[in-house]
Protein backbone atom coordinates (compact mmCIF):
# COMPACT_ATOMS: atom_id res chain seq x y z
CA UNK A 1 122.28 65.28 98.05
CA UNK A 2 120.11 66.89 99.25
CA UNK A 3 117.94 65.99 101.89
CA UNK A 4 115.50 68.37 103.65
CA UNK A 5 114.30 65.43 106.23
CA UNK A 6 115.89 62.81 108.64
CA UNK A 7 114.33 60.83 110.72
CA UNK A 8 116.12 58.62 113.55
CA UNK A 9 114.29 55.93 115.21
CA UNK A 10 115.83 55.41 118.38
CA UNK A 11 117.35 58.10 120.78
CA UNK A 12 120.11 55.38 122.50
CA UNK A 13 124.13 55.84 121.80
CA UNK A 14 123.50 54.95 118.11
CA UNK A 15 120.81 56.58 117.11
CA UNK A 16 122.58 60.08 119.09
CA UNK A 17 125.46 59.59 117.09
CA UNK A 18 123.94 59.15 113.94
CA UNK A 19 122.16 62.79 114.35
CA UNK A 20 125.05 64.47 115.55
CA UNK A 21 127.62 63.34 112.19
CA UNK A 22 123.97 64.08 109.93
CA UNK A 23 123.46 67.77 111.38
CA UNK A 24 126.91 68.11 111.12
CA UNK A 25 126.96 67.43 107.03
CA UNK A 26 124.32 70.63 106.93
CA UNK A 27 121.12 67.16 107.37
CA UNK A 28 118.03 68.62 109.56
CA UNK A 29 117.28 65.92 111.88
CA UNK A 30 114.97 64.45 113.91
CA UNK A 31 114.73 61.39 116.65
CA UNK A 32 111.80 59.59 117.73
CA UNK A 33 112.33 57.66 120.88
CA UNK A 34 109.71 55.63 122.81
CA UNK A 35 111.15 56.22 126.10
CA UNK A 36 109.47 58.97 128.03
CA UNK A 37 111.46 59.33 130.63
CA UNK A 38 114.66 58.51 128.25
CA UNK A 39 116.78 56.57 130.96
CA UNK A 40 119.58 54.82 130.97
CA UNK A 41 121.71 52.03 132.89
CA UNK A 42 123.13 53.47 135.92
CA UNK A 43 126.22 51.73 135.32
CA UNK A 44 128.95 52.06 132.82
CA UNK A 45 130.43 51.27 129.51
CA UNK A 46 133.95 50.28 128.53
CA UNK A 47 134.78 52.64 124.94
CA UNK A 48 137.37 51.28 122.84
CA UNK A 49 140.34 53.09 121.52
CA UNK A 50 138.67 53.55 117.65
CA UNK A 51 135.18 55.18 120.05
CA UNK A 52 138.24 57.74 121.22
CA UNK A 53 138.72 58.31 117.70
CA UNK A 54 135.35 58.91 116.61
CA UNK A 55 134.16 61.00 119.55
CA UNK A 56 137.35 63.39 118.28
CA UNK A 57 135.94 62.96 114.78
CA UNK A 58 132.06 63.97 116.05
CA UNK A 59 133.87 67.07 118.32
CA UNK A 60 133.31 65.46 121.37
CA UNK A 61 135.76 64.08 122.57
CA UNK A 62 136.36 66.73 125.18
CA UNK A 63 132.67 67.03 126.06
CA UNK A 64 133.13 63.20 126.56
CA UNK A 65 136.65 63.28 128.67
CA UNK A 66 135.64 65.45 131.55
CA UNK A 67 132.31 62.54 132.14
CA UNK A 68 135.01 59.68 131.60
CA UNK A 69 138.30 58.06 132.92
CA UNK A 70 141.13 57.71 130.24
CA UNK A 71 143.16 54.59 130.43
CA UNK A 72 145.57 52.70 128.32
CA UNK A 73 146.35 49.85 130.18
CA UNK A 74 144.82 46.12 129.90
CA UNK A 75 145.24 43.46 132.38
CA UNK A 76 144.97 40.01 132.21
CA UNK A 77 143.91 37.11 134.96
CA UNK A 78 143.74 33.46 133.82
CA UNK A 79 141.86 30.79 136.63
CA UNK A 80 140.79 30.69 140.01
CA UNK A 81 143.99 31.76 141.36
CA UNK A 82 143.64 34.42 139.37
CA UNK A 83 147.13 34.67 138.08
CA UNK A 84 148.10 37.46 135.38
CA UNK A 85 148.78 36.53 131.60
CA UNK A 86 148.89 39.93 130.32
CA UNK A 87 149.37 43.56 130.43
CA UNK A 88 149.26 45.73 127.73
CA UNK A 89 148.23 49.65 126.40
CA UNK A 90 145.84 50.02 123.27
CA UNK A 91 147.04 52.43 121.48
CA UNK A 92 146.18 56.35 121.44
CA UNK A 93 143.98 56.88 117.43
CA UNK A 94 142.96 60.12 119.30
CA UNK A 95 146.61 61.25 119.49
CA UNK A 96 149.23 61.47 122.34
CA UNK A 97 147.48 64.34 124.30
CA UNK A 98 144.28 61.63 124.54
CA UNK A 99 144.39 58.17 126.53
CA UNK A 100 143.18 54.78 124.29
CA UNK A 101 140.26 53.96 126.09
CA UNK A 102 137.87 55.66 128.74
CA UNK A 103 135.04 54.34 130.63
CA UNK A 104 132.24 56.50 131.82
CA UNK A 105 128.82 55.92 133.12
CA UNK A 106 125.89 55.71 130.51
CA UNK A 107 123.95 58.36 132.05
CA UNK A 108 126.94 60.78 131.01
CA UNK A 109 127.95 59.29 127.95
CA UNK A 110 123.43 59.98 127.50
CA UNK A 111 123.59 63.38 128.50
CA UNK A 112 127.05 63.98 126.55
CA UNK A 113 125.21 62.96 123.26
CA UNK A 114 122.45 64.50 124.53
CA UNK A 115 122.64 67.74 124.89
CA UNK A 116 124.97 67.98 121.72
CA UNK A 117 122.55 66.98 119.16
CA UNK A 118 120.04 69.61 120.69
CA UNK A 119 122.80 71.80 120.57
CA UNK A 120 123.00 71.30 116.94
CA UNK A 121 119.48 71.49 116.13
CA UNK A 122 118.19 68.14 116.10
CA UNK A 123 114.70 67.47 117.40
CA UNK A 124 114.09 65.08 119.71
CA UNK A 125 110.70 63.97 120.90
CA UNK A 126 109.90 61.33 124.20
CA UNK A 127 107.34 58.99 124.47
CA UNK A 128 106.49 58.39 120.78
CA UNK A 129 106.73 55.35 119.28
CA UNK A 130 106.49 55.06 114.79
CA UNK A 131 103.29 52.85 113.98
CA UNK A 132 103.23 52.56 109.70
CA UNK A 133 106.07 53.32 107.55
CA UNK A 134 105.41 54.04 103.62
CA UNK A 135 107.69 54.23 101.15
CA UNK A 136 106.75 55.78 97.35
CA UNK A 137 110.01 55.97 96.38
CA UNK A 138 110.36 59.44 96.43
CA UNK A 139 109.68 60.07 100.56
CA UNK A 140 109.15 57.99 103.32
CA UNK A 141 105.70 59.20 105.13
CA UNK A 142 105.80 57.88 108.40
CA UNK A 143 103.14 57.61 111.24
CA UNK A 144 103.33 58.13 115.16
CA UNK A 145 101.72 56.79 118.35
CA UNK A 146 101.02 60.71 119.33
CA UNK A 147 98.43 60.70 115.72
CA UNK A 148 100.61 62.83 113.50
CA UNK A 149 102.45 62.18 110.40
CA UNK A 150 105.60 63.27 108.76
CA UNK A 151 107.19 63.50 105.38
CA UNK A 152 110.67 62.27 105.29
CA UNK A 153 113.79 62.08 102.93
CA UNK A 154 114.98 59.02 104.41
CA UNK A 155 114.92 56.86 107.88
CA UNK A 156 117.19 55.27 110.53
CA UNK A 157 116.11 52.48 111.78
CA UNK A 158 118.38 52.83 115.38
CA UNK A 159 115.91 50.58 117.50
CA UNK A 160 117.90 48.26 119.45
CA UNK A 161 117.99 44.21 118.83
CA UNK A 162 114.46 44.02 119.16
CA UNK A 163 114.18 46.61 116.23
CA UNK A 164 110.58 47.01 114.78
CA UNK A 165 111.63 49.05 111.96
CA UNK A 166 113.75 45.19 111.17
CA UNK A 167 110.58 43.88 111.11
CA UNK A 168 108.66 46.44 108.76
CA UNK A 169 111.27 46.41 106.39
CA UNK A 170 112.70 42.99 106.45
CA UNK A 171 110.50 40.75 107.34
CA UNK A 172 112.66 38.13 106.34
CA UNK A 173 115.34 38.75 108.23
CA UNK A 174 116.36 36.87 111.67
CA UNK A 175 115.06 37.16 114.91
CA UNK A 176 116.88 37.89 117.98
CA UNK A 177 117.75 35.02 120.07
CA UNK A 178 119.16 34.28 123.12
CA UNK A 179 123.36 32.74 124.11
CA UNK A 180 123.00 30.90 127.20
CA UNK A 181 124.53 33.63 128.91
CA UNK A 182 123.89 37.47 131.47
CA UNK A 183 126.05 39.37 131.93
CA UNK A 184 125.19 40.88 134.99
CA UNK A 185 126.56 44.30 135.87
CA UNK A 186 127.28 46.62 139.65
CA UNK A 187 129.25 49.68 140.53
CA UNK A 188 132.20 49.50 142.84
CA UNK A 189 134.56 52.26 144.45
CA UNK A 190 137.38 51.88 142.56
CA UNK A 191 141.30 50.99 143.63
CA UNK A 192 143.27 54.28 143.55
CA UNK A 193 145.98 51.85 142.15
CA UNK A 194 143.45 50.91 139.28
CA UNK A 195 145.17 51.88 136.12
CA UNK A 196 143.27 50.79 133.07
CA UNK A 197 140.73 47.71 132.85
CA UNK A 198 141.53 44.05 134.57
CA UNK A 199 139.71 40.95 132.97
CA UNK A 200 139.03 37.64 134.76
CA UNK A 201 139.03 34.13 132.53
CA UNK A 202 137.87 30.69 133.24
CA UNK A 203 135.79 29.11 135.67
CA UNK A 204 134.56 32.52 136.79
CA UNK A 205 134.26 34.93 133.78
CA UNK A 206 134.61 38.79 134.88
CA UNK A 207 135.59 41.75 134.67
CA UNK A 208 136.30 45.66 136.69
CA UNK A 209 136.53 48.73 134.41
CA UNK A 210 137.76 52.62 136.26
CA UNK A 211 135.53 55.32 136.21
CA UNK A 212 136.90 57.79 137.59
CA UNK A 213 135.40 59.91 140.84
CA UNK A 214 136.34 56.85 143.04
CA UNK A 215 133.82 54.01 141.41
CA UNK A 216 134.29 51.55 138.92
CA UNK A 217 131.70 48.60 137.74
CA UNK A 218 131.99 45.33 137.35
CA UNK A 219 130.39 43.01 134.84
CA UNK A 220 130.06 39.15 135.35
CA UNK A 221 129.08 36.63 132.79
CA UNK A 222 126.48 33.36 133.78
CA UNK A 223 125.68 31.02 132.06
CA UNK A 224 121.30 30.91 132.51
CA UNK A 225 118.27 28.63 131.57
CA UNK A 226 116.41 30.53 128.68
CA UNK A 227 113.65 32.08 129.36
CA UNK A 228 115.01 32.94 133.51
CA UNK A 229 113.82 35.99 135.35
CA UNK A 230 114.51 38.25 137.71
CA UNK A 231 113.10 40.09 140.04
CA UNK A 232 114.33 42.77 142.04
CA UNK A 233 114.20 41.28 145.25
CA UNK A 234 117.14 39.12 145.48
CA UNK A 235 118.58 40.15 142.25
CA UNK A 236 122.03 41.56 144.77
CA UNK A 237 122.56 37.85 146.61
CA UNK A 238 121.79 36.16 143.39
CA UNK A 239 124.53 38.19 141.62
CA UNK A 240 127.02 37.02 144.26
CA UNK A 241 125.89 33.56 144.06
CA UNK A 242 127.37 33.80 140.83
CA UNK A 243 130.68 35.14 141.77
CA UNK A 244 131.35 31.73 143.75
CA UNK A 245 133.76 29.63 144.68
CA UNK A 246 136.21 29.44 141.80
CA UNK A 247 136.28 32.93 141.25
CA UNK A 248 139.72 34.93 141.59
CA UNK A 249 140.68 36.66 144.75
CA UNK A 250 139.94 39.92 143.42
CA UNK A 251 136.43 38.70 142.14
CA UNK A 252 135.73 37.13 145.34
CA UNK A 253 136.92 40.48 147.34
CA UNK A 254 134.91 42.91 146.83
CA UNK A 255 131.54 40.35 146.78
CA UNK A 256 130.15 41.45 150.03
CA UNK A 257 130.17 45.01 148.31
CA UNK A 258 127.10 43.81 146.03
CA UNK A 259 123.87 44.02 148.40
CA UNK A 260 121.49 47.11 146.53
CA UNK A 261 118.93 45.10 145.08
CA UNK A 262 118.12 47.96 143.23
CA UNK A 263 121.69 48.53 141.81
CA UNK A 264 122.38 45.32 140.00
CA UNK A 265 122.23 45.64 136.17
CA UNK A 266 121.53 42.22 134.92
CA UNK A 267 119.92 41.14 131.81
CA UNK A 268 120.18 38.06 129.08
CA UNK A 269 122.61 37.92 126.45
CA UNK A 270 120.72 38.69 123.05
CA UNK A 271 122.05 38.99 119.22
CA UNK A 272 120.78 39.24 115.48
CA UNK A 273 123.59 39.38 112.07
CA UNK A 274 122.06 40.64 108.85
CA UNK A 275 123.24 39.29 106.37
CA UNK A 276 120.84 40.56 103.64
CA UNK A 277 120.61 43.82 102.89
CA UNK A 278 120.53 46.67 105.32
CA UNK A 279 118.06 48.59 104.22
CA UNK A 280 114.64 48.31 101.38
CA UNK A 281 113.74 52.16 99.74
CA UNK A 282 114.44 54.60 101.88
CA UNK A 283 114.96 53.14 105.35
CA UNK A 284 118.15 52.13 106.41
CA UNK A 285 119.14 50.48 109.50
CA UNK A 286 122.44 50.95 111.37
CA UNK A 287 124.19 49.84 115.34
CA UNK A 288 122.38 46.59 117.40
CA UNK A 289 119.55 46.09 114.64
CA UNK A 290 121.22 44.73 112.59
CA UNK A 291 124.58 43.43 114.38
CA UNK A 292 123.91 43.00 117.57
CA UNK A 293 126.88 41.27 119.33
CA UNK A 294 127.42 40.16 122.52
CA UNK A 295 129.64 42.67 125.35
CA UNK A 296 133.16 39.58 125.36
CA UNK A 297 134.74 42.38 122.77
CA UNK A 298 133.67 45.45 124.12
CA UNK A 299 132.25 46.93 120.49
CA UNK A 300 128.26 46.98 120.72
CA UNK A 301 128.22 50.77 121.34
CA UNK A 302 131.61 51.50 119.42
CA UNK A 303 130.16 49.24 116.48
CA UNK A 304 126.88 51.72 116.17
CA UNK A 305 129.12 54.99 117.10
CA UNK A 306 130.45 53.89 113.96
CA UNK A 307 127.79 53.13 111.96
CA UNK A 308 126.26 56.30 112.22
CA UNK A 309 129.19 58.02 111.38
CA UNK A 310 129.74 56.14 107.58
CA UNK A 311 126.67 56.32 106.99
CA UNK A 312 126.44 60.32 107.55
CA UNK A 313 129.52 60.22 105.61
CA UNK A 314 127.95 58.47 102.34
CA UNK A 315 125.05 59.98 102.59
CA UNK A 316 127.11 63.57 101.33
CA UNK A 317 128.71 61.18 99.21
CA UNK A 318 126.13 59.99 96.76
CA UNK A 319 123.35 61.52 95.15
CA UNK A 320 120.67 58.56 95.73
CA UNK A 321 119.33 56.59 99.29
CA UNK A 322 120.49 53.53 97.46
CA UNK A 323 123.98 54.52 96.80
CA UNK A 324 124.69 55.58 99.68
CA UNK A 325 123.02 52.75 101.71
CA UNK A 326 124.23 50.28 99.76
CA UNK A 327 128.38 52.22 99.63
CA UNK A 328 127.40 52.29 104.05
CA UNK A 329 127.28 48.17 104.15
CA UNK A 330 129.16 47.57 102.19
CA UNK A 331 132.47 49.92 104.32
CA UNK A 332 130.92 48.26 107.39
CA UNK A 333 129.99 44.88 106.51
CA UNK A 334 133.35 43.11 107.70
CA UNK A 335 133.62 44.83 110.44
CA UNK A 336 130.93 43.68 112.22
CA UNK A 337 130.66 40.80 111.42
CA UNK A 338 134.01 40.22 112.58
CA UNK A 339 132.93 41.63 116.09
CA UNK A 340 129.17 39.95 116.27
CA UNK A 341 131.09 36.51 115.08
CA UNK A 342 133.66 36.70 117.23
CA UNK A 343 131.99 37.65 120.54
CA UNK A 344 129.31 34.90 120.76
CA UNK A 345 132.79 32.68 119.99
CA UNK A 346 134.18 33.27 123.11
CA UNK A 347 130.49 32.84 125.59
CA UNK A 348 130.09 29.90 123.40
CA UNK A 349 133.59 28.69 124.49
CA UNK A 350 132.95 29.85 127.73
CA UNK A 351 129.63 27.35 127.61
CA UNK A 352 131.77 24.65 126.78
CA UNK A 353 129.32 24.61 123.30
CA UNK A 354 132.52 25.00 121.24
CA UNK A 355 136.18 24.05 122.07
CA UNK A 356 138.11 26.69 124.33
CA UNK A 357 139.54 29.48 121.90
CA UNK A 358 142.27 31.52 122.41
CA UNK A 359 141.59 34.98 123.80
CA UNK A 360 144.25 36.80 123.84
CA UNK A 361 145.03 36.01 120.51
CA UNK A 362 141.50 36.89 119.31
CA UNK A 363 141.32 40.38 121.12
CA UNK A 364 144.81 41.02 119.61
CA UNK A 365 143.10 41.17 115.96
CA UNK A 366 140.43 42.69 117.51
CA UNK A 367 143.35 45.84 118.78
CA UNK A 368 144.50 45.28 115.15
CA UNK A 369 141.16 45.56 112.99
CA UNK A 370 139.53 48.16 115.08
CA UNK A 371 142.88 50.19 114.92
CA UNK A 372 142.20 50.69 110.56
CA UNK A 373 139.86 53.63 109.58
CA UNK A 374 136.86 52.53 109.77
């Protein structure tokens, strides 16, 4: 298929990955991003083995790993005593010379992706939103908030869980819903003996992810009432309170290091999954816009990255957007649904909404599925 102009709405992980994949296929790409500062959380993110493979397929792995901390090891702990219950390595999908997983600061990941997109010739417009989308079958006319209009062959909505694009093209699609949990994140010094991710389950659910350069980030899950807000003042104390007396000793040991309100990154977990079509006409969605999951399986960003790669592949294999978009959804649906459904299931189990689940077994199934080709 020949495409003279592709518009990507949203300059996050999914939008940037899609733009890079599309440019590598020779398509002209423009990104519009609503945030004029293009700001990113200062904490880290774990990227699992399927993401390492994806970065290699985009020829991004070297630049990516310069900023990341690679590791193979995962250690699981359970209960208030923090007893170790599992210790294993995940597969090296990008070859034996590259690690299985990586921890990376979100700002570093954003810079790696943005630098490569711009080097490939992607046009990026910040502080700009899409006001209207008019698809006449032959192309899409888009009116932007800066008063300009553009004509594009296709439009890709990568604008997150509260996607305006989804509302424009699929008005009957579900809206995002709050699960009942919050995730709290904070950067901490990384112990020199730490070799991989450490996950704690039980009355307090938390984890440590190495980032390199002497840093790791901590994540912590808590059950909170709907509508709760978190003022900046007192947010460090609030995170320490969520650790509490039932936390395992490894987590309690770092509580007194959580001191800076401005460094606490906390948000409610909101999810959405679109069971129907992921496109209408010449406009298609990817990432959190169609399958936002909770972080319990650490695959939200991974699913968005894979979406962008698969979408670019299918656009080169088919003669019409309709055929390409349908093939893209068919390849992605079951994989994304597994992550979305089971991430929520783990959270619901932690909150007592459903019977306990075997998280270790579920993680094993996830590892097997994510190791399969996309």
